[in-house]
Structures are given as structure tokens and as C-alpha cells.
Amino acid sequence: MRRRFLPAVLPLVLCVLPSSAFAQMCVAPSFVTPAPTFAIGAAPDDIVSADFDNDGLLDIAVGDAGRVQVHLGTAGGFVFSATILAADTTAVAVGDINKDGNVDVAIAGGTSVFTALGNGAGGFGATTQFNVSPAAAGAIELVDVNHDGNLDVIYGNSLGPGISVLLGDGLGGFAIGPAFTMGYTSEMAIGDLNNDGNVDVVVTNSGADQIDVALGVGNGAFVSGGTYGTGAFPVGLTIADFTEDGKLDVVTMDVVATTMTVLQGVGNGSFIPLAPVPSPDPLVFFVAAGDFDGDGTLDLLDRTSPARR
């Protein structure tokens, strides 16, 4: 499981995509201003949120140049708690890897995947390294891909075409699982695209101006769900039911084209391309979906960051 968190200090734009038509309406998000700021690292590349100390408040873990910094949420902001060392950190995912009730961390870093088990008080044990060479783990997700009740790792290969799986044993260990050849991964999102109860994967293949879809078969393996064209150089990616028809749709943020590509899900793993929508901001490298204004309709929250991969 991966929960992205966007600090309020970053430039944000809220865009409502009405279910009747994907006409863009950018509105001012209702966040507290002036926003508080918190020092979270020299060059943060990925930020996720979870309750690491079991106090009911969301905390954050920040991937930052070879380490993950954990900051615990308080009524007044965030306080530093722990540093998890991991080479060349590019992405972070959170979940209960060893099923002890505490949130753990999985990290994509170079030719390795690292894990650190949480102690439930905001601290973590030593990292365990799983070598995935010659691949380079870029995007990462924690999810049960084979229905055994244990969290597994899906990571996208940023140096070669494809995604790979590490199968969890429920105790904190992982074994090499299936690999599937698809596009070079910039960003990755997961969901059940064909309503069969299995985890499916979408990746942005930025160099080919497309998304690639992989449909899970329930044992950790995947089959091709096809490719779909986007605007030039898609990076930001999110999956949600924007059309409110019970089927997952895909939105990409296309950096060079400065457009949003909207692909309407059919419910069987395929998509219908809709007309491109002008991007609310140039250089949008990350996008998240949620009902941010409380009107019952999904919105998009974007982050601009020229430093992001």
C-alpha cells in the first residue's frame, strides 16, 4: 500500500473533473494559508503517509537522497523520529509486511529493494536489502498480488522494460517472483481494472508517450492489457473512478504536451481515450485523486517539481 502525502508548502492546484464530461474547472483549494512549513530533507523525491506510532495521527516518510526520514505527526506539525538508510532512494511504500500490526516501509533504491520493519512507536529496525540487479527499482507498491494474505512488492524497472514481483512470506522476508515485460516505468499505479479481484498495474512509459497496462492473474503473474497513447512525456499518473460508473479510469499528466490524458475504463481492463484536457500547471510530475473539496466528486491534486524524476 502506498499513500502519497503532499506537503502544503508545495504549489498545488485543484482540478474538478465532472462525471458528465471531463471539462476542466480549476478552483482554489481550501487549504489553510499561510501554510506551515517543515524541513523534511535536502532533496525529497517521494513522500508517503501512515500512522507509524499508532497514535491516530498521520505521520510522513520522506525519500531523500539515499535515506528515508520519518517525521511523526503532532497537533502542531511534524517532529523528526527516525532515519532509514537505503541507497539511491527513488520511491517509498508502506504497509504491514510482517503482520504485527505496525506499519513497515519498503524502499526502491538503485538495484535493490530495501525494507525496514516498524516498532509501532515511530522507530524502525535495520534495513534488509533485496538485490534486484540488473534491474533498477524505480516505482514501488506493497500489495498482496497472490491472495495468500501477505504483502508483496511490485517494483517498476527504471532501466529496463518491465515490472517485477517480490513475494512476501508474512514474516518480513521476500522471494523473487514473476517478472513481466512492459514499458520503461516512470510512475506506477495499481487497481482492479477488470473487476476480477486481482491486482492490475498501469505504468507511464514516458519515452514512448503511452501507458502500459498489465492485468494480474492472481498468482503474482501478469498478462498484457495493452498500451494507450498519451500526450508527450507522461509522468504523473493516478487511477480512480472519475466517471462514477463503478469502473476505474486513468489520468496522466503529460509534461511536454502540458495536457492531461483521460482514459475512461470499460471495466474489462481496456480504456476509451477521451479528449485531452489542458494541464493546470506546467511541469506536473505528480497527481493524486480524492474528494478534496467535499462535494462528493473526485478531484485532482497536482504537484509541480522540476527536481522530480
C-alpha atoms as a PDB file:
ATOM      1  CA  MET A   1       0.000   0.000   0.000  1.00  0.00           C
ATOM      2  CA  ARG A   2       1.264   3.392  -0.886  1.00  0.00           C
ATOM      3  CA  ARG A   3      -0.225   6.619   0.419  1.00  0.00           C
ATOM      4  CA  ARG A   4       1.159   9.759  -1.101  1.00  0.00           C
ATOM      5  CA  PHE A   5       1.269  12.911   1.007  1.00  0.00           C
ATOM      6  CA  LEU A   6       1.739  16.388  -0.393  1.00  0.00           C
ATOM      7  CA  PRO A   7       3.168  18.999   1.985  1.00  0.00           C
ATOM      8  CA  ALA A   8       1.222  22.247   1.921  1.00  0.00           C
ATOM      9  CA  VAL A   9       4.353  24.229   1.083  1.00  0.00           C
ATOM     10  CA  LEU A  10       4.398  22.849  -2.473  1.00  0.00           C
ATOM     11  CA  PRO A  11       2.484  24.590  -5.283  1.00  0.00           C
ATOM     12  CA  LEU A  12      -0.890  22.893  -5.549  1.00  0.00           C
ATOM     13  CA  VAL A  13      -3.760  23.160  -7.996  1.00  0.00           C
ATOM     14  CA  LEU A  14      -7.138  21.514  -7.523  1.00  0.00           C
ATOM     15  CA  CYS A  15      -8.984  20.439 -10.660  1.00  0.00           C
ATOM     16  CA  VAL A  16     -12.507  19.042 -10.642  1.00  0.00           C
ATOM     17  CA  LEU A  17     -13.359  16.607 -13.401  1.00  0.00           C
ATOM     18  CA  PRO A  18     -17.183  16.387 -13.538  1.00  0.00           C
ATOM     19  CA  SER A  19     -18.561  12.911 -14.149  1.00  0.00           C
ATOM     20  CA  SER A  20     -20.774  14.098 -17.010  1.00  0.00           C
ATOM     21  CA  ALA A  21     -17.849  15.449 -19.020  1.00  0.00           C
ATOM     22  CA  PHE A  22     -14.139  15.819 -18.409  1.00  0.00           C
ATOM     23  CA  ALA A  23     -14.286  19.598 -18.760  1.00  0.00           C
ATOM     24  CA  GLN A  24     -11.627  21.097 -16.550  1.00  0.00           C
ATOM     25  CA  MET A  25     -12.509  23.528 -13.808  1.00  0.00           C
ATOM     26  CA  CYS A  26      -9.544  24.616 -11.731  1.00  0.00           C
ATOM     27  CA  VAL A  27     -10.594  26.076  -8.412  1.00  0.00           C
ATOM     28  CA  ALA A  28      -8.743  27.400  -5.401  1.00  0.00           C
ATOM     29  CA  PRO A  29      -8.244  24.533  -2.931  1.00  0.00           C
ATOM     30  CA  SER A  30      -9.459  25.175   0.602  1.00  0.00           C
ATOM     31  CA  PHE A  31      -6.182  24.724   2.482  1.00  0.00           C
ATOM     32  CA  VAL A  32      -5.084  26.770   5.466  1.00  0.00           C
ATOM     33  CA  THR A  33      -2.985  29.772   4.420  1.00  0.00           C
ATOM     34  CA  PRO A  34      -0.363  30.825   5.103  1.00  0.00           C
ATOM     35  CA  ALA A  35       0.672  27.188   5.185  1.00  0.00           C
ATOM     36  CA  PRO A  36       3.106  25.962   7.834  1.00  0.00           C
ATOM     37  CA  THR A  37       6.449  24.704   6.561  1.00  0.00           C
ATOM     38  CA  PHE A  38       8.584  21.842   7.818  1.00  0.00           C
ATOM     39  CA  ALA A  39      12.154  20.913   6.950  1.00  0.00           C
ATOM     40  CA  ILE A  40      11.917  17.393   5.548  1.00  0.00           C
ATOM     41  CA  GLY A  41      15.191  16.840   3.695  1.00  0.00           C
ATOM     42  CA  ALA A  42      17.637  18.232   1.198  1.00  0.00           C
ATOM     43  CA  ALA A  43      16.155  16.713  -1.978  1.00  0.00           C
ATOM     44  CA  PRO A  44      12.896  14.837  -1.221  1.00  0.00           C
ATOM     45  CA  ASP A  45      11.846  12.580  -4.072  1.00  0.00           C
ATOM     46  CA  ASP A  46       8.891  10.683  -2.611  1.00  0.00           C
ATOM     47  CA  ILE A  47       6.619  11.246   0.373  1.00  0.00           C
ATOM     48  CA  VAL A  48       4.125   8.795   1.864  1.00  0.00           C
ATOM     49  CA  SER A  49       1.885   8.985   4.916  1.00  0.00           C
ATOM     50  CA  ALA A  50       0.825   6.429   7.527  1.00  0.00           C
ATOM     51  CA  ASP A  51       0.383   6.182  11.289  1.00  0.00           C
ATOM     52  CA  PHE A  52       3.817   4.870  12.246  1.00  0.00           C
ATOM     53  CA  ASP A  53       3.418   5.325  16.012  1.00  0.00           C
ATOM     54  CA  ASN A  54      -0.202   4.175  16.397  1.00  0.00           C
ATOM     55  CA  ASP A  55      -1.405   7.425  17.950  1.00  0.00           C
ATOM     56  CA  GLY A  56      -4.194   8.074  15.441  1.00  0.00           C
ATOM     57  CA  LEU A  57      -2.302  10.905  13.713  1.00  0.00           C
ATOM     58  CA  LEU A  58      -0.810  10.663  10.246  1.00  0.00           C
ATOM     59  CA  ASP A  59       2.972  10.677  10.030  1.00  0.00           C
ATOM     60  CA  ILE A  60       5.178  11.017   6.944  1.00  0.00           C
ATOM     61  CA  ALA A  61       8.148   9.172   5.482  1.00  0.00           C
ATOM     62  CA  VAL A  62      10.272  11.131   3.029  1.00  0.00           C
ATOM     63  CA  GLY A  63      12.606   9.542   0.490  1.00  0.00           C
ATOM     64  CA  ASP A  64      15.618  11.837   0.435  1.00  0.00           C
ATOM     65  CA  ALA A  65      18.906  11.086  -1.357  1.00  0.00           C
ATOM     66  CA  GLY A  66      19.848   7.671  -0.008  1.00  0.00           C
ATOM     67  CA  ARG A  67      17.709   7.646   3.091  1.00  0.00           C
ATOM     68  CA  VAL A  68      14.130   7.823   4.316  1.00  0.00           C
ATOM     69  CA  GLN A  69      13.369  10.363   7.012  1.00  0.00           C
ATOM     70  CA  VAL A  70      10.382   9.646   9.252  1.00  0.00           C
ATOM     71  CA  HIS A  71       8.511  12.550  10.828  1.00  0.00           C
ATOM     72  CA  LEU A  72       5.722  11.962  13.345  1.00  0.00           C
ATOM     73  CA  GLY A  73       2.545  13.996  13.168  1.00  0.00           C
ATOM     74  CA  THR A  74       1.526  16.099  16.159  1.00  0.00           C
ATOM     75  CA  ALA A  75      -1.198  18.639  16.792  1.00  0.00           C
ATOM     76  CA  GLY A  76       1.298  21.341  15.856  1.00  0.00           C
ATOM     77  CA  GLY A  77       3.028  19.776  12.856  1.00  0.00           C
ATOM     78  CA  PHE A  78       5.727  17.135  12.446  1.00  0.00           C
ATOM     79  CA  VAL A  79       8.702  16.120  14.555  1.00  0.00           C
ATOM     80  CA  PHE A  80      11.655  14.059  13.342  1.00  0.00           C
ATOM     81  CA  SER A  81      11.634  10.449  14.530  1.00  0.00           C
ATOM     82  CA  ALA A  82      13.986   8.173  12.579  1.00  0.00           C
ATOM     83  CA  THR A  83      16.297   7.799   9.594  1.00  0.00           C
ATOM     84  CA  ILE A  84      16.206   4.675   7.449  1.00  0.00           C
ATOM     85  CA  LEU A  85      19.295   4.264   5.270  1.00  0.00           C
ATOM     86  CA  ALA A  86      18.752   2.998   1.716  1.00  0.00           C
ATOM     87  CA  ALA A  87      20.962   3.659  -1.291  1.00  0.00           C
ATOM     88  CA  ASP A  88      19.670   5.880  -4.078  1.00  0.00           C
ATOM     89  CA  THR A  89      16.124   6.181  -2.749  1.00  0.00           C
ATOM     90  CA  THR A  90      13.587   6.805  -5.528  1.00  0.00           C
ATOM     91  CA  ALA A  91      10.241   5.640  -4.132  1.00  0.00           C
ATOM     92  CA  VAL A  92       8.675   4.558  -0.840  1.00  0.00           C
ATOM     93  CA  ALA A  93       5.701   2.330   0.019  1.00  0.00           C
ATOM     94  CA  VAL A  94       4.136   1.496   3.383  1.00  0.00           C
ATOM     95  CA  GLY A  95       2.240  -1.470   4.804  1.00  0.00           C
ATOM     96  CA  ASP A  96       2.344  -4.181   7.474  1.00  0.00           C
ATOM     97  CA  ILE A  97       4.916  -6.504   5.920  1.00  0.00           C
ATOM     98  CA  ASN A  98       5.319  -8.880   8.884  1.00  0.00           C
ATOM     99  CA  LYS A  99       1.707  -8.742  10.116  1.00  0.00           C
ATOM    100  CA  ASP A 100       2.477  -7.500  13.627  1.00  0.00           C
ATOM    101  CA  GLY A 101       0.025  -4.605  13.450  1.00  0.00           C
ATOM    102  CA  ASN A 102       2.713  -1.958  12.857  1.00  0.00           C
ATOM    103  CA  VAL A 103       3.414  -0.061   9.656  1.00  0.00           C
ATOM    104  CA  ASP A 104       6.603  -1.007   7.828  1.00  0.00           C
ATOM    105  CA  VAL A 105       8.433   0.621   4.914  1.00  0.00           C
ATOM    106  CA  ALA A 106       9.590  -0.681   1.528  1.00  0.00           C
ATOM    107  CA  ILE A 107      12.035   1.416  -0.480  1.00  0.00           C
ATOM    108  CA  ALA A 108      13.073   1.337  -4.119  1.00  0.00           C
ATOM    109  CA  GLY A 109      16.757   2.204  -4.316  1.00  0.00           C
ATOM    110  CA  GLY A 110      19.021   1.555  -7.262  1.00  0.00           C
ATOM    111  CA  THR A 111      19.436  -2.149  -7.940  1.00  0.00           C
ATOM    112  CA  SER A 112      17.878  -3.079  -4.606  1.00  0.00           C
ATOM    113  CA  VAL A 113      14.631  -3.086  -2.698  1.00  0.00           C
ATOM    114  CA  PHE A 114      15.032  -2.283   0.996  1.00  0.00           C
ATOM    115  CA  THR A 115      12.611  -2.943   3.848  1.00  0.00           C
ATOM    116  CA  ALA A 116      12.532  -1.651   7.404  1.00  0.00           C
ATOM    117  CA  LEU A 117      10.130  -3.044   9.991  1.00  0.00           C
ATOM    118  CA  GLY A 118       8.335  -0.577  12.239  1.00  0.00           C
ATOM    119  CA  ASN A 119       8.180  -0.968  16.025  1.00  0.00           C
ATOM    120  CA  GLY A 120       4.838   0.808  16.402  1.00  0.00           C
ATOM    121  CA  ALA A 121       6.382   3.768  18.224  1.00  0.00           C
ATOM    122  CA  GLY A 122       7.802   5.620  15.208  1.00  0.00           C
ATOM    123  CA  GLY A 123      11.077   3.728  15.118  1.00  0.00           C
ATOM    124  CA  PHE A 124      12.374   1.106  12.705  1.00  0.00           C
ATOM    125  CA  GLY A 125      14.761  -1.816  12.749  1.00  0.00           C
ATOM    126  CA  ALA A 126      17.762  -2.177  10.489  1.00  0.00           C
ATOM    127  CA  THR A 127      17.098  -2.280   6.772  1.00  0.00           C
ATOM    128  CA  THR A 128      17.048  -5.562   4.894  1.00  0.00           C
ATOM    129  CA  GLN A 129      18.335  -5.422   1.330  1.00  0.00           C
ATOM    130  CA  PHE A 130      16.950  -7.487  -1.553  1.00  0.00           C
ATOM    131  CA  ASN A 131      19.152  -7.326  -4.647  1.00  0.00           C
ATOM    132  CA  VAL A 132      17.146  -6.989  -7.869  1.00  0.00           C
ATOM    133  CA  SER A 133      20.124  -6.406 -10.211  1.00  0.00           C
ATOM    134  CA  PRO A 134      20.363  -5.908 -13.170  1.00  0.00           C
ATOM    135  CA  ALA A 135      17.050  -4.135 -12.774  1.00  0.00           C
ATOM    136  CA  ALA A 136      16.800  -0.695 -11.172  1.00  0.00           C
ATOM    137  CA  ALA A 137      13.823  -0.354  -8.871  1.00  0.00           C
ATOM    138  CA  GLY A 138      12.034   2.931  -9.541  1.00  0.00           C
ATOM    139  CA  ALA A 139       8.340   2.983  -8.626  1.00  0.00           C
ATOM    140  CA  ILE A 140       7.228   0.602  -5.849  1.00  0.00           C
ATOM    141  CA  GLU A 141       3.981  -0.719  -4.372  1.00  0.00           C
ATOM    142  CA  LEU A 142       3.147  -3.008  -1.439  1.00  0.00           C
ATOM    143  CA  VAL A 143       0.096  -5.182  -2.159  1.00  0.00           C
ATOM    144  CA  ASP A 144      -0.990  -8.816  -1.938  1.00  0.00           C
ATOM    145  CA  VAL A 145      -0.742  -9.998  -5.543  1.00  0.00           C
ATOM    146  CA  ASN A 146      -1.207 -13.749  -4.979  1.00  0.00           C
ATOM    147  CA  HIS A 147      -4.031 -13.831  -2.403  1.00  0.00           C
ATOM    148  CA  ASP A 148      -2.048 -15.515   0.358  1.00  0.00           C
ATOM    149  CA  GLY A 149      -2.673 -12.758   2.904  1.00  0.00           C
ATOM    150  CA  ASN A 150       0.914 -11.484   2.793  1.00  0.00           C
ATOM    151  CA  LEU A 151       2.054  -8.189   1.327  1.00  0.00           C
ATOM    152  CA  ASP A 152       4.207  -8.482  -1.775  1.00  0.00           C
ATOM    153  CA  VAL A 153       6.352  -5.900  -3.569  1.00  0.00           C
ATOM    154  CA  ILE A 154       5.765  -4.752  -7.122  1.00  0.00           C
ATOM    155  CA  TYR A 155       8.539  -2.574  -8.465  1.00  0.00           C
ATOM    156  CA  GLY A 156       8.959  -0.873 -11.794  1.00  0.00           C
ATOM    157  CA  ASN A 157      12.268  -1.167 -13.604  1.00  0.00           C
ATOM    158  CA  SER A 158      13.516   2.301 -14.497  1.00  0.00           C
ATOM    159  CA  LEU A 159      16.454   0.963 -16.558  1.00  0.00           C
ATOM    160  CA  GLY A 160      14.760  -1.852 -18.461  1.00  0.00           C
ATOM    161  CA  PRO A 161      11.264  -2.581 -19.716  1.00  0.00           C
ATOM    162  CA  GLY A 162       9.022  -4.229 -17.185  1.00  0.00           C
ATOM    163  CA  ILE A 163       7.776  -4.753 -13.653  1.00  0.00           C
ATOM    164  CA  SER A 164       8.825  -7.428 -11.186  1.00  0.00           C
ATOM    165  CA  VAL A 165       7.351  -9.011  -8.070  1.00  0.00           C
ATOM    166  CA  LEU A 166       8.890  -9.993  -4.742  1.00  0.00           C
ATOM    167  CA  LEU A 167       6.589 -12.436  -2.937  1.00  0.00           C
ATOM    168  CA  GLY A 168       6.252 -11.805   0.798  1.00  0.00           C
ATOM    169  CA  ASP A 169       6.261 -14.561   3.392  1.00  0.00           C
ATOM    170  CA  GLY A 170       4.369 -12.546   6.015  1.00  0.00           C
ATOM    171  CA  LEU A 171       7.384 -12.545   8.342  1.00  0.00           C
ATOM    172  CA  GLY A 172       9.356  -9.765   6.665  1.00  0.00           C
ATOM    173  CA  GLY A 173      11.090 -11.869   4.039  1.00  0.00           C
ATOM    174  CA  PHE A 174      10.651 -11.903   0.270  1.00  0.00           C
ATOM    175  CA  ALA A 175      11.405 -14.303  -2.573  1.00  0.00           C
ATOM    176  CA  ILE A 176      11.894 -13.491  -6.233  1.00  0.00           C
ATOM    177  CA  GLY A 177       8.542 -13.683  -8.013  1.00  0.00           C
ATOM    178  CA  PRO A 178       7.372 -13.299 -11.588  1.00  0.00           C
ATOM    179  CA  ALA A 179       8.553 -10.545 -13.898  1.00  0.00           C
ATOM    180  CA  PHE A 180       6.574  -9.055 -16.745  1.00  0.00           C
ATOM    181  CA  THR A 181       7.947  -7.160 -19.729  1.00  0.00           C
ATOM    182  CA  MET A 182       6.251  -3.846 -20.458  1.00  0.00           C
ATOM    183  CA  GLY A 183       7.359  -0.253 -20.885  1.00  0.00           C
ATOM    184  CA  TYR A 184      10.128   1.589 -19.074  1.00  0.00           C
ATOM    185  CA  THR A 185       8.480   2.753 -15.865  1.00  0.00           C
ATOM    186  CA  SER A 186       8.283   6.410 -14.861  1.00  0.00           C
ATOM    187  CA  GLU A 187       5.341   6.113 -12.467  1.00  0.00           C
ATOM    188  CA  MET A 188       3.151   3.190 -11.461  1.00  0.00           C
ATOM    189  CA  ALA A 189      -0.387   2.810 -10.133  1.00  0.00           C
ATOM    190  CA  ILE A 190      -2.369  -0.263  -9.113  1.00  0.00           C
ATOM    191  CA  GLY A 191      -6.039  -1.217  -9.022  1.00  0.00           C
ATOM    192  CA  ASP A 192      -8.510  -3.860 -10.164  1.00  0.00           C
ATOM    193  CA  LEU A 193      -9.098  -2.683 -13.726  1.00  0.00           C
ATOM    194  CA  ASN A 194     -11.141  -5.636 -14.952  1.00  0.00           C
ATOM    195  CA  ASN A 195     -13.120  -6.400 -11.775  1.00  0.00           C
ATOM    196  CA  ASP A 196     -11.780  -9.935 -11.365  1.00  0.00           C
ATOM    197  CA  GLY A 197     -10.459  -9.414  -7.836  1.00  0.00           C
ATOM    198  CA  ASN A 198      -6.801  -9.389  -8.896  1.00  0.00           C
ATOM    199  CA  VAL A 199      -4.293  -6.541  -8.741  1.00  0.00           C
ATOM    200  CA  ASP A 200      -3.562  -4.877 -12.070  1.00  0.00           C
ATOM    201  CA  VAL A 201      -0.781  -2.408 -12.886  1.00  0.00           C
ATOM    202  CA  VAL A 202      -0.552   0.717 -15.035  1.00  0.00           C
ATOM    203  CA  VAL A 203       2.780   2.405 -15.747  1.00  0.00           C
ATOM    204  CA  THR A 204       3.641   5.600 -17.573  1.00  0.00           C
ATOM    205  CA  ASN A 205       6.121   4.858 -20.347  1.00  0.00           C
ATOM    206  CA  SER A 206       7.330   8.426 -20.770  1.00  0.00           C
ATOM    207  CA  GLY A 207       9.745   7.836 -23.623  1.00  0.00           C
ATOM    208  CA  ALA A 208       7.044   6.193 -25.751  1.00  0.00           C
ATOM    209  CA  ASP A 209       4.280   8.692 -24.859  1.00  0.00           C
ATOM    210  CA  GLN A 210       1.969   5.968 -23.607  1.00  0.00           C
ATOM    211  CA  ILE A 211       0.742   3.978 -20.653  1.00  0.00           C
ATOM    212  CA  ASP A 212       1.231   0.231 -20.463  1.00  0.00           C
ATOM    213  CA  VAL A 213      -1.294  -1.999 -18.714  1.00  0.00           C
ATOM    214  CA  ALA A 214      -0.583  -5.343 -17.041  1.00  0.00           C
ATOM    215  CA  LEU A 215      -3.502  -7.463 -15.811  1.00  0.00           C
ATOM    216  CA  GLY A 216      -2.917  -9.678 -12.793  1.00  0.00           C
ATOM    217  CA  VAL A 217      -3.946 -13.332 -12.923  1.00  0.00           C
ATOM    218  CA  GLY A 218      -3.998 -13.796  -9.140  1.00  0.00           C
ATOM    219  CA  ASN A 219      -0.785 -15.738  -8.541  1.00  0.00           C
ATOM    220  CA  GLY A 220       1.696 -12.875  -8.881  1.00  0.00           C
ATOM    221  CA  ALA A 221       1.967 -13.114 -12.655  1.00  0.00           C
ATOM    222  CA  PHE A 222       0.589 -10.661 -15.220  1.00  0.00           C
ATOM    223  CA  VAL A 223      -0.608 -10.646 -18.817  1.00  0.00           C
ATOM    224  CA  SER A 224      -0.666  -7.714 -21.197  1.00  0.00           C
ATOM    225  CA  GLY A 225      -3.613  -5.349 -21.036  1.00  0.00           C
ATOM    226  CA  GLY A 226      -2.367  -3.307 -23.978  1.00  0.00           C
ATOM    227  CA  THR A 227      -0.922   0.164 -24.423  1.00  0.00           C
ATOM    228  CA  TYR A 228      -2.669   3.518 -24.796  1.00  0.00           C
ATOM    229  CA  GLY A 229      -1.290   6.729 -26.214  1.00  0.00           C
ATOM    230  CA  THR A 230      -0.991   9.865 -24.108  1.00  0.00           C
ATOM    231  CA  GLY A 231       0.293  13.364 -24.595  1.00  0.00           C
ATOM    232  CA  ALA A 232       4.026  13.897 -24.908  1.00  0.00           C
ATOM    233  CA  PHE A 233       6.084  12.587 -21.953  1.00  0.00           C
ATOM    234  CA  PRO A 234       3.523  11.364 -19.407  1.00  0.00           C
ATOM    235  CA  VAL A 235       4.842  11.250 -15.848  1.00  0.00           C
ATOM    236  CA  GLY A 236       2.129  11.914 -13.262  1.00  0.00           C
ATOM    237  CA  LEU A 237      -0.345   9.024 -13.032  1.00  0.00           C
ATOM    238  CA  THR A 238      -3.435   8.210 -10.996  1.00  0.00           C
ATOM    239  CA  ILE A 239      -6.261   5.655 -11.123  1.00  0.00           C
ATOM    240  CA  ALA A 240      -9.770   6.352  -9.821  1.00  0.00           C
ATOM    241  CA  ASP A 241     -13.425   6.188 -10.863  1.00  0.00           C
ATOM    242  CA  PHE A 242     -13.761   9.705 -12.247  1.00  0.00           C
ATOM    243  CA  THR A 243     -16.858   8.899 -14.329  1.00  0.00           C
ATOM    244  CA  GLU A 244     -18.688   7.419 -11.321  1.00  0.00           C
ATOM    245  CA  ASP A 245     -19.737   4.313 -13.244  1.00  0.00           C
ATOM    246  CA  GLY A 246     -18.020   1.802 -10.974  1.00  0.00           C
ATOM    247  CA  LYS A 247     -15.075   1.340 -13.337  1.00  0.00           C
ATOM    248  CA  LEU A 248     -11.561   2.617 -12.792  1.00  0.00           C
ATOM    249  CA  ASP A 249     -10.254   5.319 -15.106  1.00  0.00           C
ATOM    250  CA  VAL A 250      -6.699   6.562 -15.703  1.00  0.00           C
ATOM    251  CA  VAL A 251      -5.376  10.123 -15.770  1.00  0.00           C
ATOM    252  CA  THR A 252      -1.828  11.056 -16.774  1.00  0.00           C
ATOM    253  CA  MET A 253      -0.055  14.390 -16.566  1.00  0.00           C
ATOM    254  CA  ASP A 254       1.883  14.927 -19.801  1.00  0.00           C
ATOM    255  CA  VAL A 255       4.826  17.208 -19.077  1.00  0.00           C
ATOM    256  CA  VAL A 256       5.951  18.156 -22.600  1.00  0.00           C
ATOM    257  CA  ALA A 257       2.438  18.364 -24.048  1.00  0.00           C
ATOM    258  CA  THR A 258       1.188  20.251 -20.931  1.00  0.00           C
ATOM    259  CA  THR A 259      -2.022  18.208 -21.111  1.00  0.00           C
ATOM    260  CA  MET A 260      -3.925  15.710 -19.008  1.00  0.00           C
ATOM    261  CA  THR A 261      -4.762  12.467 -20.763  1.00  0.00           C
ATOM    262  CA  VAL A 262      -8.022  10.894 -19.559  1.00  0.00           C
ATOM    263  CA  LEU A 263      -8.687   7.221 -20.328  1.00  0.00           C
ATOM    264  CA  GLN A 264     -12.161   6.015 -19.410  1.00  0.00           C
ATOM    265  CA  GLY A 265     -12.243   2.483 -18.070  1.00  0.00           C
ATOM    266  CA  VAL A 266     -14.595  -0.013 -19.684  1.00  0.00           C
ATOM    267  CA  GLY A 267     -14.401  -2.426 -16.743  1.00  0.00           C
ATOM    268  CA  ASN A 268     -12.685  -5.270 -18.582  1.00  0.00           C
ATOM    269  CA  GLY A 269      -9.162  -3.853 -18.419  1.00  0.00           C
ATOM    270  CA  SER A 270      -9.485  -1.719 -21.548  1.00  0.00           C
ATOM    271  CA  PHE A 271      -9.931   2.042 -21.907  1.00  0.00           C
ATOM    272  CA  ILE A 272     -11.558   4.623 -24.151  1.00  0.00           C
ATOM    273  CA  PRO A 273      -9.403   7.720 -24.750  1.00  0.00           C
ATOM    274  CA  LEU A 274     -11.242  10.981 -24.112  1.00  0.00           C
ATOM    275  CA  ALA A 275     -10.290  14.394 -25.431  1.00  0.00           C
ATOM    276  CA  PRO A 276      -7.059  15.752 -23.852  1.00  0.00           C
ATOM    277  CA  VAL A 277      -7.521  18.402 -21.186  1.00  0.00           C
ATOM    278  CA  PRO A 278      -5.101  21.324 -20.772  1.00  0.00           C
ATOM    279  CA  SER A 279      -2.852  20.779 -17.785  1.00  0.00           C
ATOM    280  CA  PRO A 280      -3.469  23.199 -14.899  1.00  0.00           C
ATOM    281  CA  ASP A 281       0.270  23.711 -14.470  1.00  0.00           C
ATOM    282  CA  PRO A 282       3.447  23.180 -16.466  1.00  0.00           C
ATOM    283  CA  LEU A 283       5.881  20.534 -15.231  1.00  0.00           C
ATOM    284  CA  VAL A 284       3.335  18.490 -13.298  1.00  0.00           C
ATOM    285  CA  PHE A 285       5.279  15.462 -12.083  1.00  0.00           C
ATOM    286  CA  PHE A 286       2.770  14.042  -9.636  1.00  0.00           C
ATOM    287  CA  VAL A 287      -1.014  13.882  -9.361  1.00  0.00           C
ATOM    288  CA  ALA A 288      -3.346  12.416  -6.735  1.00  0.00           C
ATOM    289  CA  ALA A 289      -7.095  11.810  -6.764  1.00  0.00           C
ATOM    290  CA  GLY A 290      -9.510  12.493  -3.913  1.00  0.00           C
ATOM    291  CA  ASP A 291     -12.558  14.479  -2.893  1.00  0.00           C
ATOM    292  CA  PHE A 292     -10.581  17.471  -1.642  1.00  0.00           C
ATOM    293  CA  ASP A 293     -13.471  19.961  -1.542  1.00  0.00           C
ATOM    294  CA  GLY A 294     -16.047  17.624  -0.003  1.00  0.00           C
ATOM    295  CA  ASP A 295     -18.632  17.865  -2.777  1.00  0.00           C
ATOM    296  CA  GLY A 296     -18.794  14.123  -3.451  1.00  0.00           C
ATOM    297  CA  THR A 297     -16.935  14.361  -6.785  1.00  0.00           C
ATOM    298  CA  LEU A 298     -13.350  13.219  -7.278  1.00  0.00           C
ATOM    299  CA  ASP A 299     -10.804  15.981  -7.763  1.00  0.00           C
ATOM    300  CA  LEU A 300      -7.188  16.035  -8.876  1.00  0.00           C
ATOM    301  CA  LEU A 301      -4.364  17.487  -6.823  1.00  0.00           C
ATOM    302  CA  ASP A 302      -1.132  18.127  -8.668  1.00  0.00           C
ATOM    303  CA  ARG A 303       2.416  18.846  -7.622  1.00  0.00           C
ATOM    304  CA  THR A 304       4.929  20.669  -9.764  1.00  0.00           C
ATOM    305  CA  SER A 305       8.566  19.849  -9.190  1.00  0.00           C
ATOM    306  CA  PRO A 306      11.314  20.120 -11.775  1.00  0.00           C
ATOM    307  CA  ALA A 307      13.559  18.093  -9.465  1.00  0.00           C
ATOM    308  CA  ARG A 308      11.359  15.018  -9.515  1.00  0.00           C
ATOM    309  CA  ARG A 309      12.391  12.153 -11.753  1.00  0.00           C
END
